[in-house]
C-alpha cells in the first residue's frame, strides 16, 4: 500500500483516522467500528463493502492504539 496514499486517506463517514492492517489488507476506523477492504492495492472506501468490527477485535485494536510506547 502506498505510504503517501495512506497519509491522506480518512474514513468516508466520519473523516477520522484509519489504521492500516497489512496482514488483513484492511483500513480500520475505530470511531465507526468498520474495516474497509484493500483489493489489488486499492482501498475500497464504501460503507457497503466494509465489515463491522467485532467487540473483541475493536478492544484489541483500541488497546494497541492507546498503549504507551515502550
N, C-alpha and C. Protein backbone atom coordinates (compact mmCIF):
# COMPACT_ATOMS: atom_id res chain seq x y z
N UNK A 1 0.85 -1.18 0.00
CA UNK A 1 0.00 0.00 0.00
C UNK A 1 0.90 1.23 0.00
N UNK A 2 0.60 2.17 -0.85
CA UNK A 2 1.39 3.38 -1.00
C UNK A 2 1.33 4.23 0.28
N UNK A 3 2.49 4.58 0.82
CA UNK A 3 2.57 5.32 2.08
C UNK A 3 1.94 6.71 1.96
N UNK A 4 2.13 7.38 0.84
CA UNK A 4 1.54 8.71 0.65
C UNK A 4 0.01 8.65 0.61
N UNK A 5 -0.51 7.61 -0.01
CA UNK A 5 -1.95 7.43 -0.05
C UNK A 5 -2.50 7.20 1.36
N UNK A 6 -1.81 6.38 2.13
CA UNK A 6 -2.24 6.11 3.50
C UNK A 6 -2.30 7.38 4.34
N UNK A 7 -1.39 8.30 4.09
CA UNK A 7 -1.34 9.54 4.87
C UNK A 7 -2.53 10.46 4.60
N UNK A 8 -3.12 10.37 3.42
CA UNK A 8 -4.22 11.29 3.09
C UNK A 8 -5.60 10.66 3.21
N UNK A 9 -5.68 9.34 3.27
CA UNK A 9 -6.99 8.69 3.37
C UNK A 9 -7.60 8.89 4.75
N UNK A 10 -8.91 9.12 4.77
CA UNK A 10 -9.68 9.20 6.01
C UNK A 10 -10.95 8.39 5.83
N UNK A 11 -11.60 8.12 6.93
CA UNK A 11 -12.86 7.39 6.89
C UNK A 11 -13.89 8.22 6.11
N UNK A 12 -14.58 7.62 5.16
CA UNK A 12 -15.56 8.37 4.38
C UNK A 12 -16.79 8.79 5.20
N UNK A 13 -17.02 8.16 6.33
CA UNK A 13 -18.19 8.50 7.14
C UNK A 13 -17.90 9.63 8.12
N UNK A 14 -16.85 9.47 8.92
CA UNK A 14 -16.59 10.44 9.98
C UNK A 14 -15.37 11.33 9.70
N UNK A 15 -14.66 11.04 8.62
CA UNK A 15 -13.43 11.76 8.25
C UNK A 15 -12.32 11.56 9.27
N UNK A 16 -12.42 10.48 10.04
CA UNK A 16 -11.44 10.17 11.07
C UNK A 16 -10.26 9.37 10.54
N UNK A 17 -9.30 9.18 11.42
CA UNK A 17 -8.07 8.45 11.11
C UNK A 17 -8.37 6.98 10.84
N UNK A 18 -7.57 6.41 9.94
CA UNK A 18 -7.67 4.99 9.62
C UNK A 18 -6.40 4.27 10.07
N UNK A 19 -6.56 3.03 10.48
CA UNK A 19 -5.43 2.18 10.86
C UNK A 19 -5.23 1.16 9.74
N UNK A 20 -4.00 1.08 9.25
CA UNK A 20 -3.68 0.12 8.18
C UNK A 20 -3.28 -1.21 8.80
N UNK A 21 -4.01 -2.25 8.47
CA UNK A 21 -3.69 -3.61 8.92
C UNK A 21 -3.16 -4.38 7.71
N UNK A 22 -1.86 -4.47 7.64
CA UNK A 22 -1.19 -5.05 6.48
C UNK A 22 -1.61 -6.50 6.23
N UNK A 23 -1.56 -7.33 7.27
CA UNK A 23 -1.86 -8.76 7.08
C UNK A 23 -3.29 -9.00 6.62
N UNK A 24 -4.22 -8.21 7.16
CA UNK A 24 -5.63 -8.38 6.79
C UNK A 24 -6.00 -7.62 5.52
N UNK A 25 -5.10 -6.74 5.05
CA UNK A 25 -5.37 -5.89 3.90
C UNK A 25 -6.67 -5.11 4.11
N UNK A 26 -6.66 -4.35 5.23
CA UNK A 26 -7.82 -3.54 5.58
C UNK A 26 -7.38 -2.20 6.15
N UNK A 27 -8.27 -1.23 6.04
CA UNK A 27 -8.13 0.06 6.70
C UNK A 27 -9.26 0.14 7.71
N UNK A 28 -8.92 0.37 8.98
CA UNK A 28 -9.90 0.32 10.05
C UNK A 28 -10.17 1.70 10.63
N UNK A 29 -11.45 2.00 10.81
CA UNK A 29 -11.89 3.20 11.50
C UNK A 29 -12.44 2.76 12.86
N UNK A 30 -11.72 3.12 13.93
CA UNK A 30 -12.19 2.73 15.25
C UNK A 30 -13.45 3.49 15.65
N UNK A 31 -13.57 4.74 15.23
CA UNK A 31 -14.73 5.55 15.59
C UNK A 31 -16.03 4.92 15.08
N UNK A 32 -16.01 4.40 13.86
CA UNK A 32 -17.21 3.79 13.27
C UNK A 32 -17.23 2.27 13.39
N UNK A 33 -16.14 1.71 13.91
CA UNK A 33 -16.01 0.25 14.08
C UNK A 33 -16.20 -0.48 12.75
N UNK A 34 -15.53 0.06 11.70
CA UNK A 34 -15.61 -0.53 10.37
C UNK A 34 -14.23 -0.82 9.82
N UNK A 35 -14.12 -1.89 9.03
CA UNK A 35 -12.89 -2.25 8.35
C UNK A 35 -13.15 -2.24 6.85
N UNK A 36 -12.43 -1.37 6.15
CA UNK A 36 -12.57 -1.24 4.70
C UNK A 36 -11.54 -2.14 4.02
N UNK A 37 -11.95 -2.95 3.06
CA UNK A 37 -11.00 -3.86 2.40
C UNK A 37 -10.07 -3.13 1.43
N UNK A 38 -8.91 -3.73 1.24
CA UNK A 38 -7.97 -3.27 0.21
C UNK A 38 -7.86 -4.42 -0.78
N UNK A 39 -8.23 -4.15 -2.03
CA UNK A 39 -8.19 -5.19 -3.07
C UNK A 39 -7.26 -4.75 -4.18
N UNK A 40 -6.28 -5.58 -4.47
CA UNK A 40 -5.29 -5.28 -5.51
C UNK A 40 -4.64 -3.91 -5.27
N UNK A 41 -4.30 -3.64 -4.00
CA UNK A 41 -3.66 -2.38 -3.58
C UNK A 41 -4.57 -1.16 -3.73
N UNK A 42 -5.86 -1.37 -3.87
CA UNK A 42 -6.81 -0.26 -3.99
C UNK A 42 -7.78 -0.32 -2.81
N UNK A 43 -7.79 0.73 -1.96
CA UNK A 43 -8.74 0.74 -0.85
C UNK A 43 -10.17 0.91 -1.37
N UNK A 44 -11.07 0.08 -0.87
CA UNK A 44 -12.48 0.16 -1.24
C UNK A 44 -13.18 0.91 -0.11
N UNK A 45 -13.35 2.21 -0.30
CA UNK A 45 -13.84 3.08 0.77
C UNK A 45 -15.35 3.29 0.69
N UNK A 46 -16.07 2.19 0.61
CA UNK A 46 -17.53 2.22 0.55
C UNK A 46 -18.09 1.56 1.81
N UNK A 47 -19.02 2.23 2.47
CA UNK A 47 -19.62 1.66 3.68
C UNK A 47 -20.24 0.30 3.39
N UNK A 48 -20.84 0.14 2.23
CA UNK A 48 -21.49 -1.12 1.87
C UNK A 48 -20.50 -2.28 1.71
N UNK A 49 -19.23 -1.97 1.48
CA UNK A 49 -18.20 -3.01 1.34
C UNK A 49 -17.43 -3.25 2.63
N UNK A 50 -17.60 -2.38 3.61
CA UNK A 50 -16.88 -2.51 4.89
C UNK A 50 -17.51 -3.58 5.75
N UNK A 51 -16.68 -4.17 6.59
CA UNK A 51 -17.22 -5.13 7.55
C UNK A 51 -17.20 -4.49 8.94
N UNK A 52 -18.14 -4.89 9.76
CA UNK A 52 -18.21 -4.37 11.12
C UNK A 52 -17.20 -5.11 12.00
N UNK A 53 -16.51 -4.35 12.84
CA UNK A 53 -15.56 -4.95 13.77
C UNK A 53 -16.33 -5.61 14.92
N UNK A 54 -15.86 -6.79 15.31
CA UNK A 54 -16.40 -7.43 16.49
C UNK A 54 -15.88 -6.73 17.73
N UNK A 55 -16.56 -6.91 18.85
CA UNK A 55 -16.19 -6.24 20.09
C UNK A 55 -14.77 -6.59 20.53
N UNK A 56 -14.41 -7.87 20.47
CA UNK A 56 -13.06 -8.29 20.86
C UNK A 56 -12.01 -7.68 19.95
N UNK A 57 -12.27 -7.67 18.66
CA UNK A 57 -11.34 -7.09 17.70
C UNK A 57 -11.18 -5.59 17.93
N UNK A 58 -12.31 -4.90 18.15
CA UNK A 58 -12.27 -3.47 18.43
C UNK A 58 -11.45 -3.18 19.69
N UNK A 59 -11.72 -3.94 20.76
CA UNK A 59 -10.99 -3.74 22.02
C UNK A 59 -9.50 -3.93 21.84
N UNK A 60 -9.11 -4.98 21.11
CA UNK A 60 -7.69 -5.25 20.90
C UNK A 60 -7.02 -4.13 20.11
N UNK A 61 -7.67 -3.64 19.06
CA UNK A 61 -7.10 -2.55 18.27
C UNK A 61 -7.04 -1.25 19.07
N UNK A 62 -8.08 -1.00 19.85
CA UNK A 62 -8.12 0.22 20.65
C UNK A 62 -7.01 0.20 21.70
N UNK A 63 -6.82 -0.94 22.35
CA UNK A 63 -5.75 -1.05 23.36
C UNK A 63 -4.39 -0.89 22.71
N UNK A 64 -4.21 -1.47 21.54
CA UNK A 64 -2.94 -1.36 20.83
C UNK A 64 -2.66 0.09 20.45
N UNK A 65 -3.70 0.82 20.06
CA UNK A 65 -3.55 2.22 19.66
C UNK A 65 -3.24 3.13 20.82
N UNK A 66 -3.80 2.84 22.00
CA UNK A 66 -3.67 3.73 23.15
C UNK A 66 -2.57 3.31 24.12
N UNK A 67 -1.92 2.18 23.85
CA UNK A 67 -0.84 1.71 24.72
C UNK A 67 0.36 2.65 24.63
N UNK A 68 0.97 2.96 25.77
CA UNK A 68 2.16 3.81 25.74
C UNK A 68 3.32 3.12 25.02
N UNK A 69 4.09 3.88 24.31
CA UNK A 69 5.25 3.33 23.58
C UNK A 69 6.27 2.82 24.59
N UNK A 70 6.82 1.66 24.28
CA UNK A 70 7.79 1.04 25.20
C UNK A 70 9.19 1.52 24.91
